[in-house]
Full PDB file with SEQRES, HELIX, SHEET, SSBOND, CRYST1, ORIGX, SCALE, CONECT and MASTER records, all heavy atoms in Angstrom:
SEQRES   1 A   41  ASN ASP PRO ILE GLU ALA ALA LYS GLU HIS TYR ALA PHE          
SEQRES   2 A   41  CYS SER ASP ARG ILE ASP GLN GLY THR ARG THR TYR LYS          
SEQRES   3 A   41  VAL SER GLU LEU ALA ALA GLY LEU THR LYS SER THR VAL          
SEQRES   4 A   41  TRP TYR                                                      
HELIX    1 AA1 PRO A    3  PHE A   13  1                                  11    
HELIX    2 AA2 ASP A   16  ASP A   19  1                                   4    
HELIX    3 AA3 VAL A   27  LEU A   34  1                                   8    
CRYST1    1.000    1.000    1.000  90.00  90.00  90.00 P 1           1          
ORIGX1      1.000000  0.000000  0.000000        0.00000                         
ORIGX2      0.000000  1.000000  0.000000        0.00000                         
ORIGX3      0.000000  0.000000  1.000000        0.00000                         
SCALE1      1.000000  0.000000  0.000000        0.00000                         
SCALE2      0.000000  1.000000  0.000000        0.00000                         
SCALE3      0.000000  0.000000  1.000000        0.00000                         
ATOM      1  N   ASN A   1     -49.724 -19.880 -13.185  1.00  0.00           N  
ATOM      2  CA  ASN A   1     -50.364 -20.093 -14.481  1.00  0.00           C  
ATOM      3  C   ASN A   1     -50.218 -18.863 -15.381  1.00  0.00           C  
ATOM      4  O   ASN A   1     -49.919 -17.764 -14.929  1.00  0.00           O  
ATOM      5  CB  ASN A   1     -51.846 -20.421 -14.272  1.00  0.00           C  
ATOM      6  CG  ASN A   1     -52.040 -21.783 -13.650  1.00  0.00           C  
ATOM      7  OD1 ASN A   1     -51.908 -22.818 -14.311  1.00  0.00           O  
ATOM      8  ND2 ASN A   1     -52.347 -21.817 -12.349  1.00  0.00           N  
ATOM      9  N   ASP A   2     -50.446 -19.072 -16.652  1.00  0.00           N  
ATOM     10  CA  ASP A   2     -50.266 -18.030 -17.656  1.00  0.00           C  
ATOM     11  C   ASP A   2     -51.286 -16.905 -17.470  1.00  0.00           C  
ATOM     12  O   ASP A   2     -52.496 -17.161 -17.458  1.00  0.00           O  
ATOM     13  CB  ASP A   2     -50.412 -18.625 -19.054  1.00  0.00           C  
ATOM     14  CG  ASP A   2     -50.217 -17.596 -20.133  1.00  0.00           C  
ATOM     15  OD1 ASP A   2     -49.053 -17.194 -20.363  1.00  0.00           O  
ATOM     16  OD2 ASP A   2     -51.220 -17.165 -20.736  1.00  0.00           O  
ATOM     17  N   PRO A   3     -50.849 -15.657 -17.327  1.00  0.00           N  
ATOM     18  CA  PRO A   3     -51.773 -14.538 -17.088  1.00  0.00           C  
ATOM     19  C   PRO A   3     -52.773 -14.308 -18.218  1.00  0.00           C  
ATOM     20  O   PRO A   3     -53.931 -13.989 -17.957  1.00  0.00           O  
ATOM     21  CB  PRO A   3     -50.837 -13.331 -16.926  1.00  0.00           C  
ATOM     22  CG  PRO A   3     -49.530 -13.907 -16.519  1.00  0.00           C  
ATOM     23  CD  PRO A   3     -49.437 -15.225 -17.230  1.00  0.00           C  
ATOM     24  N   ILE A   4     -52.321 -14.444 -19.459  1.00  0.00           N  
ATOM     25  CA  ILE A   4     -53.229 -14.228 -20.591  1.00  0.00           C  
ATOM     26  C   ILE A   4     -54.346 -15.259 -20.578  1.00  0.00           C  
ATOM     27  O   ILE A   4     -55.526 -14.930 -20.776  1.00  0.00           O  
ATOM     28  CB  ILE A   4     -52.471 -14.266 -21.933  1.00  0.00           C  
ATOM     29  CG1 ILE A   4     -51.547 -13.044 -22.066  1.00  0.00           C  
ATOM     30  CG2 ILE A   4     -53.455 -14.314 -23.101  1.00  0.00           C  
ATOM     31  CD1 ILE A   4     -52.274 -11.722 -22.187  1.00  0.00           C  
ATOM     32  N   GLU A   5     -54.005 -16.509 -20.343  1.00  0.00           N  
ATOM     33  CA  GLU A   5     -55.025 -17.554 -20.305  1.00  0.00           C  
ATOM     34  C   GLU A   5     -55.983 -17.326 -19.143  1.00  0.00           C  
ATOM     35  O   GLU A   5     -57.193 -17.555 -19.267  1.00  0.00           O  
ATOM     36  CB  GLU A   5     -54.370 -18.939 -20.220  1.00  0.00           C  
ATOM     37  CG  GLU A   5     -53.592 -19.327 -21.464  1.00  0.00           C  
ATOM     38  CD  GLU A   5     -54.431 -19.260 -22.730  1.00  0.00           C  
ATOM     39  OE1 GLU A   5     -55.575 -19.772 -22.714  1.00  0.00           O  
ATOM     40  OE2 GLU A   5     -53.962 -18.659 -23.718  1.00  0.00           O  
ATOM     41  N   ALA A   6     -55.454 -16.883 -18.003  1.00  0.00           N  
ATOM     42  CA  ALA A   6     -56.316 -16.585 -16.858  1.00  0.00           C  
ATOM     43  C   ALA A   6     -57.269 -15.436 -17.182  1.00  0.00           C  
ATOM     44  O   ALA A   6     -58.461 -15.482 -16.846  1.00  0.00           O  
ATOM     45  CB  ALA A   6     -55.468 -16.237 -15.639  1.00  0.00           C  
ATOM     46  N   ALA A   7     -56.748 -14.407 -17.855  1.00  0.00           N  
ATOM     47  CA  ALA A   7     -57.586 -13.262 -18.213  1.00  0.00           C  
ATOM     48  C   ALA A   7     -58.671 -13.674 -19.207  1.00  0.00           C  
ATOM     49  O   ALA A   7     -59.797 -13.166 -19.151  1.00  0.00           O  
ATOM     50  CB  ALA A   7     -56.726 -12.145 -18.787  1.00  0.00           C  
ATOM     51  N   LYS A   8     -58.355 -14.570 -20.115  1.00  0.00           N  
ATOM     52  CA  LYS A   8     -59.368 -15.087 -21.036  1.00  0.00           C  
ATOM     53  C   LYS A   8     -60.487 -15.786 -20.272  1.00  0.00           C  
ATOM     54  O   LYS A   8     -61.665 -15.649 -20.601  1.00  0.00           O  
ATOM     55  CB  LYS A   8     -58.733 -16.060 -22.034  1.00  0.00           C  
ATOM     56  CG  LYS A   8     -57.854 -15.426 -23.089  1.00  0.00           C  
ATOM     57  CD  LYS A   8     -57.280 -16.499 -24.010  1.00  0.00           C  
ATOM     58  CE  LYS A   8     -56.408 -15.913 -25.086  1.00  0.00           C  
ATOM     59  NZ  LYS A   8     -55.831 -16.980 -25.968  1.00  0.00           N  
ATOM     60  N   GLU A   9     -60.102 -16.539 -19.239  1.00  0.00           N  
ATOM     61  CA  GLU A   9     -61.108 -17.231 -18.424  1.00  0.00           C  
ATOM     62  C   GLU A   9     -61.985 -16.222 -17.685  1.00  0.00           C  
ATOM     63  O   GLU A   9     -63.204 -16.404 -17.582  1.00  0.00           O  
ATOM     64  CB  GLU A   9     -60.421 -18.159 -17.423  1.00  0.00           C  
ATOM     65  CG  GLU A   9     -59.740 -19.356 -18.074  1.00  0.00           C  
ATOM     66  CD  GLU A   9     -59.040 -20.254 -17.081  1.00  0.00           C  
ATOM     67  OE1 GLU A   9     -58.982 -19.895 -15.878  1.00  0.00           O  
ATOM     68  OE2 GLU A   9     -58.555 -21.314 -17.484  1.00  0.00           O  
ATOM     69  N   HIS A  10     -61.373 -15.154 -17.179  1.00  0.00           N  
ATOM     70  CA  HIS A  10     -62.148 -14.125 -16.487  1.00  0.00           C  
ATOM     71  C   HIS A  10     -63.120 -13.454 -17.456  1.00  0.00           C  
ATOM     72  O   HIS A  10     -64.271 -13.173 -17.090  1.00  0.00           O  
ATOM     73  CB  HIS A  10     -61.205 -13.084 -15.879  1.00  0.00           C  
ATOM     74  CG  HIS A  10     -60.547 -13.554 -14.622  1.00  0.00           C  
ATOM     75  ND1 HIS A  10     -60.343 -12.722 -13.535  1.00  0.00           N  
ATOM     76  CD2 HIS A  10     -60.045 -14.759 -14.266  1.00  0.00           C  
ATOM     77  CE1 HIS A  10     -59.748 -13.401 -12.561  1.00  0.00           C  
ATOM     78  NE2 HIS A  10     -59.543 -14.642 -13.005  1.00  0.00           N  
ATOM     79  N   TYR A  11     -62.666 -13.194 -18.666  1.00  0.00           N  
ATOM     80  CA  TYR A  11     -63.530 -12.594 -19.675  1.00  0.00           C  
ATOM     81  C   TYR A  11     -64.690 -13.525 -20.024  1.00  0.00           C  
ATOM     82  O   TYR A  11     -65.829 -13.079 -20.185  1.00  0.00           O  
ATOM     83  CB  TYR A  11     -62.712 -12.282 -20.923  1.00  0.00           C  
ATOM     84  CG  TYR A  11     -63.518 -11.709 -22.068  1.00  0.00           C  
ATOM     85  CD1 TYR A  11     -64.029 -10.418 -22.009  1.00  0.00           C  
ATOM     86  CD2 TYR A  11     -63.755 -12.466 -23.221  1.00  0.00           C  
ATOM     87  CE1 TYR A  11     -64.761  -9.879 -23.064  1.00  0.00           C  
ATOM     88  CE2 TYR A  11     -64.486 -11.944 -24.272  1.00  0.00           C  
ATOM     89  CZ  TYR A  11     -64.990 -10.656 -24.186  1.00  0.00           C  
ATOM     90  OH  TYR A  11     -65.714 -10.134 -25.230  1.00  0.00           O  
ATOM     91  N   ALA A  12     -64.404 -14.814 -20.109  1.00  0.00           N  
ATOM     92  CA  ALA A  12     -65.447 -15.783 -20.411  1.00  0.00           C  
ATOM     93  C   ALA A  12     -66.488 -15.825 -19.298  1.00  0.00           C  
ATOM     94  O   ALA A  12     -67.695 -15.943 -19.547  1.00  0.00           O  
ATOM     95  CB  ALA A  12     -64.830 -17.164 -20.611  1.00  0.00           C  
ATOM     96  N   PHE A  13     -66.027 -15.724 -18.070  1.00  0.00           N  
ATOM     97  CA  PHE A  13     -66.930 -15.758 -16.920  1.00  0.00           C  
ATOM     98  C   PHE A  13     -67.755 -14.485 -16.835  1.00  0.00           C  
ATOM     99  O   PHE A  13     -68.946 -14.517 -16.508  1.00  0.00           O  
ATOM    100  CB  PHE A  13     -66.093 -15.927 -15.649  1.00  0.00           C  
ATOM    101  CG  PHE A  13     -66.894 -16.173 -14.400  1.00  0.00           C  
ATOM    102  CD1 PHE A  13     -67.689 -17.298 -14.269  1.00  0.00           C  
ATOM    103  CD2 PHE A  13     -66.830 -15.281 -13.339  1.00  0.00           C  
ATOM    104  CE1 PHE A  13     -68.420 -17.536 -13.104  1.00  0.00           C  
ATOM    105  CE2 PHE A  13     -67.542 -15.511 -12.167  1.00  0.00           C  
ATOM    106  CZ  PHE A  13     -68.341 -16.643 -12.050  1.00  0.00           C  
ATOM    107  N   CYS A  14     -67.131 -13.355 -17.171  1.00  0.00           N  
ATOM    108  CA  CYS A  14     -67.796 -12.054 -17.064  1.00  0.00           C  
ATOM    109  C   CYS A  14     -67.174 -11.116 -18.092  1.00  0.00           C  
ATOM    110  O   CYS A  14     -66.127 -10.523 -17.846  1.00  0.00           O  
ATOM    111  CB  CYS A  14     -67.615 -11.499 -15.646  1.00  0.00           C  
ATOM    112  SG  CYS A  14     -68.242  -9.828 -15.403  1.00  0.00           S  
ATOM    113  N   SER A  15     -67.822 -10.978 -19.243  1.00  0.00           N  
ATOM    114  CA  SER A  15     -67.243 -10.172 -20.317  1.00  0.00           C  
ATOM    115  C   SER A  15     -67.090  -8.704 -19.921  1.00  0.00           C  
ATOM    116  O   SER A  15     -66.196  -8.011 -20.412  1.00  0.00           O  
ATOM    117  CB  SER A  15     -68.099 -10.285 -21.591  1.00  0.00           C  
ATOM    118  OG  SER A  15     -69.428  -9.857 -21.341  1.00  0.00           O  
ATOM    119  N   ASP A  16     -67.940  -8.233 -19.009  1.00  0.00           N  
ATOM    120  CA  ASP A  16     -67.822  -6.841 -18.565  1.00  0.00           C  
ATOM    121  C   ASP A  16     -66.526  -6.583 -17.809  1.00  0.00           C  
ATOM    122  O   ASP A  16     -66.137  -5.420 -17.634  1.00  0.00           O  
ATOM    123  CB  ASP A  16     -69.001  -6.464 -17.664  1.00  0.00           C  
ATOM    124  CG  ASP A  16     -70.260  -6.171 -18.456  1.00  0.00           C  
ATOM    125  OD1 ASP A  16     -70.128  -5.796 -19.632  1.00  0.00           O  
ATOM    126  OD2 ASP A  16     -71.360  -6.315 -17.914  1.00  0.00           O  
ATOM    127  N   ARG A  17     -65.867  -7.656 -17.366  1.00  0.00           N  
ATOM    128  CA  ARG A  17     -64.597  -7.460 -16.657  1.00  0.00           C  
ATOM    129  C   ARG A  17     -63.578  -6.762 -17.548  1.00  0.00           C  
ATOM    130  O   ARG A  17     -62.713  -6.022 -17.055  1.00  0.00           O  
ATOM    131  CB  ARG A  17     -64.048  -8.817 -16.181  1.00  0.00           C  
ATOM    132  CG  ARG A  17     -62.791  -8.720 -15.344  1.00  0.00           C  
ATOM    133  CD  ARG A  17     -63.046  -7.912 -14.091  1.00  0.00           C  
ATOM    134  NE  ARG A  17     -61.810  -7.642 -13.343  1.00  0.00           N  
ATOM    135  CZ  ARG A  17     -61.028  -6.607 -13.572  1.00  0.00           C  
ATOM    136  NH1 ARG A  17     -61.328  -5.727 -14.522  1.00  0.00           N  
ATOM    137  NH2 ARG A  17     -59.937  -6.420 -12.849  1.00  0.00           N  
ATOM    138  N   ILE A  18     -63.677  -6.990 -18.857  1.00  0.00           N  
ATOM    139  CA  ILE A  18     -62.817  -6.290 -19.814  1.00  0.00           C  
ATOM    140  C   ILE A  18     -63.592  -5.182 -20.524  1.00  0.00           C  
ATOM    141  O   ILE A  18     -63.111  -4.059 -20.656  1.00  0.00           O  
ATOM    142  CB  ILE A  18     -62.223  -7.271 -20.844  1.00  0.00           C  
ATOM    143  CG1 ILE A  18     -61.191  -8.176 -20.161  1.00  0.00           C  
ATOM    144  CG2 ILE A  18     -61.583  -6.519 -22.017  1.00  0.00           C  
ATOM    145  CD1 ILE A  18     -60.575  -9.223 -21.067  1.00  0.00           C  
ATOM    146  N   ASP A  19     -64.818  -5.491 -20.966  1.00  0.00           N  
ATOM    147  CA  ASP A  19     -65.580  -4.536 -21.772  1.00  0.00           C  
ATOM    148  C   ASP A  19     -65.908  -3.253 -21.017  1.00  0.00           C  
ATOM    149  O   ASP A  19     -66.037  -2.184 -21.626  1.00  0.00           O  
ATOM    150  CB  ASP A  19     -66.873  -5.189 -22.254  1.00  0.00           C  
ATOM    151  CG  ASP A  19     -66.619  -6.317 -23.243  1.00  0.00           C  
ATOM    152  OD1 ASP A  19     -65.497  -6.393 -23.778  1.00  0.00           O  
ATOM    153  OD2 ASP A  19     -67.538  -7.128 -23.473  1.00  0.00           O  
ATOM    154  N   GLN A  20     -66.075  -3.342 -19.695  1.00  0.00           N  
ATOM    155  CA  GLN A  20     -66.369  -2.144 -18.906  1.00  0.00           C  
ATOM    156  C   GLN A  20     -65.388  -1.932 -17.752  1.00  0.00           C  
ATOM    157  O   GLN A  20     -65.462  -0.906 -17.079  1.00  0.00           O  
ATOM    158  CB  GLN A  20     -67.794  -2.220 -18.342  1.00  0.00           C  
ATOM    159  CG  GLN A  20     -68.873  -2.284 -19.410  1.00  0.00           C  
ATOM    160  CD  GLN A  20     -70.249  -1.944 -18.872  1.00  0.00           C  
ATOM    161  OE1 GLN A  20     -70.451  -0.882 -18.291  1.00  0.00           O  
ATOM    162  NE2 GLN A  20     -71.195  -2.846 -19.072  1.00  0.00           N  
ATOM    163  N   GLY A  21     -64.480  -2.879 -17.546  1.00  0.00           N  
ATOM    164  CA  GLY A  21     -63.596  -2.796 -16.396  1.00  0.00           C  
ATOM    165  C   GLY A  21     -62.141  -2.519 -16.716  1.00  0.00           C  
ATOM    166  O   GLY A  21     -61.284  -2.585 -15.826  1.00  0.00           O  
ATOM    167  N   THR A  22     -61.832  -2.198 -17.982  1.00  0.00           N  
ATOM    168  CA  THR A  22     -60.463  -1.858 -18.359  1.00  0.00           C  
ATOM    169  C   THR A  22     -60.464  -0.565 -19.161  1.00  0.00           C  
ATOM    170  O   THR A  22     -61.492  -0.162 -19.712  1.00  0.00           O  
ATOM    171  CB  THR A  22     -59.806  -2.973 -19.205  1.00  0.00           C  
ATOM    172  OG1 THR A  22     -60.545  -3.139 -20.425  1.00  0.00           O  
ATOM    173  CG2 THR A  22     -59.757  -4.300 -18.441  1.00  0.00           C  
ATOM    174  N   ARG A  23     -59.313   0.051 -19.249  1.00  0.00           N  
ATOM    175  CA  ARG A  23     -59.187   1.292 -20.016  1.00  0.00           C  
ATOM    176  C   ARG A  23     -58.976   1.033 -21.494  1.00  0.00           C  
ATOM    177  O   ARG A  23     -59.390   1.819 -22.343  1.00  0.00           O  
ATOM    178  CB  ARG A  23     -58.027   2.131 -19.458  1.00  0.00           C  
ATOM    179  CG  ARG A  23     -58.277   2.699 -18.073  1.00  0.00           C  
ATOM    180  CD  ARG A  23     -57.070   3.440 -17.540  1.00  0.00           C  
ATOM    181  NE  ARG A  23     -55.967   2.527 -17.242  1.00  0.00           N  
ATOM    182  CZ  ARG A  23     -55.837   1.860 -16.107  1.00  0.00           C  
ATOM    183  NH1 ARG A  23     -56.758   1.989 -15.154  1.00  0.00           N  
ATOM    184  NH2 ARG A  23     -54.814   1.056 -15.897  1.00  0.00           N  
ATOM    185  N   THR A  24     -58.292  -0.080 -21.823  1.00  0.00           N  
ATOM    186  CA  THR A  24     -57.936  -0.356 -23.214  1.00  0.00           C  
ATOM    187  C   THR A  24     -58.830  -1.407 -23.853  1.00  0.00           C  
ATOM    188  O   THR A  24     -58.736  -1.642 -25.052  1.00  0.00           O  
ATOM    189  CB  THR A  24     -56.483  -0.852 -23.292  1.00  0.00           C  
ATOM    190  OG1 THR A  24     -56.367  -2.081 -22.548  1.00  0.00           O  
ATOM    191  CG2 THR A  24     -55.527   0.184 -22.712  1.00  0.00           C  
ATOM    192  N   TYR A  25     -59.684  -2.069 -23.044  1.00  0.00           N  
ATOM    193  CA  TYR A  25     -60.563  -3.145 -23.526  1.00  0.00           C  
ATOM    194  C   TYR A  25     -59.764  -4.304 -24.093  1.00  0.00           C  
ATOM    195  O   TYR A  25     -60.173  -4.933 -25.076  1.00  0.00           O  
ATOM    196  CB  TYR A  25     -61.565  -2.619 -24.569  1.00  0.00           C  
ATOM    197  CG  TYR A  25     -62.211  -1.317 -24.173  1.00  0.00           C  
ATOM    198  CD1 TYR A  25     -61.932  -0.152 -24.881  1.00  0.00           C  
ATOM    199  CD2 TYR A  25     -63.071  -1.251 -23.085  1.00  0.00           C  
ATOM    200  CE1 TYR A  25     -62.524   1.055 -24.501  1.00  0.00           C  
ATOM    201  CE2 TYR A  25     -63.654  -0.046 -22.705  1.00  0.00           C  
ATOM    202  CZ  TYR A  25     -63.380   1.093 -23.420  1.00  0.00           C  
ATOM    203  OH  TYR A  25     -63.945   2.288 -23.040  1.00  0.00           O  
ATOM    204  N   LYS A  26     -58.628  -4.584 -23.471  1.00  0.00           N  
ATOM    205  CA  LYS A  26     -57.753  -5.651 -23.961  1.00  0.00           C  
ATOM    206  C   LYS A  26     -57.508  -6.695 -22.868  1.00  0.00           C  
ATOM    207  O   LYS A  26     -57.412  -6.371 -21.675  1.00  0.00           O  
ATOM    208  CB  LYS A  26     -56.426  -5.080 -24.445  1.00  0.00           C  
ATOM    209  CG  LYS A  26     -56.572  -4.116 -25.624  1.00  0.00           C  
ATOM    210  CD  LYS A  26     -55.225  -3.650 -26.115  1.00  0.00           C  
ATOM    211  CE  LYS A  26     -55.379  -2.547 -27.179  1.00  0.00           C  
ATOM    212  NZ  LYS A  26     -56.127  -3.018 -28.359  1.00  0.00           N  
ATOM    213  N   VAL A  27     -57.375  -7.939 -23.318  1.00  0.00           N  
ATOM    214  CA  VAL A  27     -57.107  -9.049 -22.405  1.00  0.00           C  
ATOM    215  C   VAL A  27     -55.804  -8.822 -21.650  1.00  0.00           C  
ATOM    216  O   VAL A  27     -55.699  -9.094 -20.444  1.00  0.00           O  
ATOM    217  CB  VAL A  27     -57.053 -10.378 -23.183  1.00  0.00           C  
ATOM    218  CG1 VAL A  27     -56.576 -11.531 -22.296  1.00  0.00           C  
ATOM    219  CG2 VAL A  27     -58.414 -10.706 -23.785  1.00  0.00           C  
ATOM    220  N   SER A  28     -54.799  -8.302 -22.333  1.00  0.00           N  
ATOM    221  CA  SER A  28     -53.475  -8.141 -21.727  1.00  0.00           C  
ATOM    222  C   SER A  28     -53.484  -7.142 -20.574  1.00  0.00           C  
ATOM    223  O   SER A  28     -52.690  -7.272 -19.634  1.00  0.00           O  
ATOM    224  CB  SER A  28     -52.450  -7.724 -22.779  1.00  0.00           C  
ATOM    225  OG  SER A  28     -52.896  -6.587 -23.495  1.00  0.00           O  
ATOM    226  N   GLU A  29     -54.360  -6.124 -20.632  1.00  0.00           N  
ATOM    227  CA  GLU A  29     -54.447  -5.191 -19.508  1.00  0.00           C  
ATOM    228  C   GLU A  29     -54.945  -5.901 -18.256  1.00  0.00           C  
ATOM    229  O   GLU A  29     -54.380  -5.749 -17.161  1.00  0.00           O  
ATOM    230  CB  GLU A  29     -55.365  -4.014 -19.836  1.00  0.00           C  
ATOM    231  CG  GLU A  29     -55.468  -3.032 -18.672  1.00  0.00           C  
ATOM    232  CD  GLU A  29     -56.499  -1.940 -18.897  1.00  0.00           C  
ATOM    233  OE1 GLU A  29     -56.784  -1.598 -20.073  1.00  0.00           O  
ATOM    234  OE2 GLU A  29     -57.022  -1.420 -17.885  1.00  0.00           O  
ATOM    235  N   LEU A  30     -56.008  -6.696 -18.415  1.00  0.00           N  
ATOM    236  CA  LEU A  30     -56.507  -7.468 -17.282  1.00  0.00           C  
ATOM    237  C   LEU A  30     -55.445  -8.439 -16.793  1.00  0.00           C  
ATOM    238  O   LEU A  30     -55.224  -8.574 -15.583  1.00  0.00           O  
ATOM    239  CB  LEU A  30     -57.775  -8.224 -17.680  1.00  0.00           C  
ATOM    240  CG  LEU A  30     -58.348  -9.189 -16.644  1.00  0.00           C  
ATOM    241  CD1 LEU A  30     -58.669  -8.480 -15.333  1.00  0.00           C  
ATOM    242  CD2 LEU A  30     -59.596  -9.880 -17.197  1.00  0.00           C  
ATOM    243  N   ALA A  31     -54.760  -9.111 -17.721  1.00  0.00           N  
ATOM    244  CA  ALA A  31     -53.729 -10.082 -17.356  1.00  0.00           C  
ATOM    245  C   ALA A  31     -52.620  -9.426 -16.541  1.00  0.00           C  
ATOM    246  O   ALA A  31     -52.130 -10.000 -15.560  1.00  0.00           O  
ATOM    247  CB  ALA A  31     -53.154 -10.719 -18.619  1.00  0.00           C  
ATOM    248  N   ALA A  32     -52.219  -8.220 -16.939  1.00  0.00           N  
ATOM    249  CA  ALA A  32     -51.139  -7.530 -16.222  1.00  0.00           C  
ATOM    250  C   ALA A  32     -51.527  -7.257 -14.774  1.00  0.00           C  
ATOM    251  O   ALA A  32     -50.699  -7.391 -13.862  1.00  0.00           O  
ATOM    252  CB  ALA A  32     -50.793  -6.222 -16.938  1.00  0.00           C  
ATOM    253  N   GLY A  33     -52.781  -6.892 -14.542  1.00  0.00           N  
ATOM    254  CA  GLY A  33     -53.232  -6.656 -13.185  1.00  0.00           C  
ATOM    255  C   GLY A  33     -53.356  -7.936 -12.375  1.00  0.00           C  
ATOM    256  O   GLY A  33     -53.062  -7.960 -11.173  1.00  0.00           O  
ATOM    257  N   LEU A  34     -53.771  -9.002 -13.027  1.00  0.00           N  
ATOM    258  CA  LEU A  34     -53.966 -10.273 -12.328  1.00  0.00           C  
ATOM    259  C   LEU A  34     -52.662 -10.858 -11.790  1.00  0.00           C  
ATOM    260  O   LEU A  34     -52.681 -11.613 -10.813  1.00  0.00           O  
ATOM    261  CB  LEU A  34     -54.629 -11.299 -13.250  1.00  0.00           C  
ATOM    262  CG  LEU A  34     -56.110 -11.066 -13.581  1.00  0.00           C  
ATOM    263  CD1 LEU A  34     -56.597 -12.126 -14.568  1.00  0.00           C  
ATOM    264  CD2 LEU A  34     -56.956 -11.087 -12.316  1.00  0.00           C  
ATOM    265  N   THR A  35     -51.554 -10.521 -12.405  1.00  0.00           N  
ATOM    266  CA  THR A  35     -50.281 -11.100 -11.973  1.00  0.00           C  
ATOM    267  C   THR A  35     -49.938 -10.741 -10.533  1.00  0.00           C  
ATOM    268  O   THR A  35     -49.200 -11.482  -9.864  1.00  0.00           O  
ATOM    269  CB  THR A  35     -49.126 -10.647 -12.891  1.00  0.00           C  
ATOM    270  OG1 THR A  35     -49.031  -9.217 -12.852  1.00  0.00           O  
ATOM    271  CG2 THR A  35     -49.357 -11.104 -14.319  1.00  0.00           C  
ATOM    272  N   LYS A  36     -50.483  -9.609 -10.036  1.00  0.00           N  
ATOM    273  CA  LYS A  36     -50.176  -9.184  -8.674  1.00  0.00           C  
ATOM    274  C   LYS A  36     -51.424  -9.087  -7.794  1.00  0.00           C  
ATOM    275  O   LYS A  36     -51.343  -8.621  -6.654  1.00  0.00           O  
ATOM    276  CB  LYS A  36     -49.455  -7.836  -8.696  1.00  0.00           C  
ATOM    277  CG  LYS A  36     -48.105  -7.861  -9.419  1.00  0.00           C  
ATOM    278  CD  LYS A  36     -47.449  -6.492  -9.396  1.00  0.00           C  
ATOM    279  CE  LYS A  36     -46.102  -6.515 -10.119  1.00  0.00           C  
ATOM    280  NZ  LYS A  36     -45.460  -5.168 -10.139  1.00  0.00           N  
ATOM    281  N   SER A  37     -52.558  -9.522  -8.301  1.00  0.00           N  
ATOM    282  CA  SER A  37     -53.812  -9.396  -7.560  1.00  0.00           C  
ATOM    283  C   SER A  37     -54.093 -10.631  -6.707  1.00  0.00           C  
ATOM    284  O   SER A  37     -53.771 -11.758  -7.095  1.00  0.00           O  
ATOM    285  CB  SER A  37     -54.986  -9.192  -8.525  1.00  0.00           C  
ATOM    286  OG  SER A  37     -54.896  -7.954  -9.183  1.00  0.00           O  
ATOM    287  N   THR A  38     -54.702 -10.399  -5.562  1.00  0.00           N  
ATOM    288  CA  THR A  38     -55.181 -11.499  -4.722  1.00  0.00           C  
ATOM    289  C   THR A  38     -56.705 -11.460  -4.578  1.00  0.00           C  
ATOM    290  O   THR A  38     -57.281 -12.307  -3.907  1.00  0.00           O  
ATOM    291  CB  THR A  38     -54.548 -11.445  -3.320  1.00  0.00           C  
ATOM    292  OG1 THR A  38     -54.757 -10.152  -2.754  1.00  0.00           O  
ATOM    293  CG2 THR A  38     -53.049 -11.744  -3.396  1.00  0.00           C  
ATOM    294  N   VAL A  39     -57.331 -10.462  -5.189  1.00  0.00           N  
ATOM    295  CA  VAL A  39     -58.786 -10.375  -5.256  1.00  0.00           C  
ATOM    296  C   VAL A  39     -59.200 -10.327  -6.711  1.00  0.00           C  
ATOM    297  O   VAL A  39     -58.613  -9.577  -7.508  1.00  0.00           O  
ATOM    298  CB  VAL A  39     -59.311  -9.127  -4.508  1.00  0.00           C  
ATOM    299  CG1 VAL A  39     -60.788  -8.900  -4.801  1.00  0.00           C  
ATOM    300  CG2 VAL A  39     -59.091  -9.267  -3.010  1.00  0.00           C  
ATOM    301  N   TRP A  40     -60.171 -11.137  -7.082  1.00  0.00           N  
ATOM    302  CA  TRP A  40     -60.720 -11.132  -8.438  1.00  0.00           C  
ATOM    303  C   TRP A  40     -62.122 -10.540  -8.382  1.00  0.00           C  
ATOM    304  O   TRP A  40     -62.978 -11.010  -7.627  1.00  0.00           O  
ATOM    305  CB  TRP A  40     -60.801 -12.550  -8.994  1.00  0.00           C  
ATOM    306  CG  TRP A  40     -59.481 -13.228  -9.168  1.00  0.00           C  
ATOM    307  CD1 TRP A  40     -58.237 -12.693  -9.027  1.00  0.00           C  
ATOM    308  CD2 TRP A  40     -59.272 -14.606  -9.506  1.00  0.00           C  
ATOM    309  NE1 TRP A  40     -57.273 -13.624  -9.270  1.00  0.00           N  
ATOM    310  CE2 TRP A  40     -57.862 -14.813  -9.563  1.00  0.00           C  
ATOM    311  CE3 TRP A  40     -60.120 -15.670  -9.779  1.00  0.00           C  
ATOM    312  CZ2 TRP A  40     -57.320 -16.048  -9.870  1.00  0.00           C  
ATOM    313  CZ3 TRP A  40     -59.574 -16.900 -10.080  1.00  0.00           C  
ATOM    314  CH2 TRP A  40     -58.183 -17.088 -10.122  1.00  0.00           C  
ATOM    315  N   TYR A  41     -62.364  -9.546  -9.211  1.00  0.00           N  
ATOM    316  CA  TYR A  41     -63.621  -8.795  -9.177  1.00  0.00           C  
ATOM    317  C   TYR A  41     -64.412  -9.033 -10.457  1.00  0.00           C  
ATOM    318  O   TYR A  41     -63.866  -8.953 -11.559  1.00  0.00           O  
ATOM    319  CB  TYR A  41     -63.311  -7.303  -9.020  1.00  0.00           C  
ATOM    320  CG  TYR A  41     -64.509  -6.389  -9.059  1.00  0.00           C  
ATOM    321  CD1 TYR A  41     -65.190  -6.056  -7.886  1.00  0.00           C  
ATOM    322  CD2 TYR A  41     -64.963  -5.850 -10.264  1.00  0.00           C  
ATOM    323  CE1 TYR A  41     -66.292  -5.196  -7.912  1.00  0.00           C  
ATOM    324  CE2 TYR A  41     -66.055  -4.996 -10.305  1.00  0.00           C  
ATOM    325  CZ  TYR A  41     -66.720  -4.681  -9.126  1.00  0.00           C  
ATOM    326  OH  TYR A  41     -67.808  -3.843  -9.167  1.00  0.00           O  
TER     327      TYR A  41                                                      
MASTER        0    0    0    3    0    0    0    6  326    1    0    4          
END                                                                             
């Protein structure tokens, strides 16, 4: 599935996943990590 769309869903579920869990506060940073991740935090 599309990484950007997946990252949007993660942000919707938990906004802190981007707001406090990334360096750039951008959806694309989370998406880039999700492409190779097998654990979602």
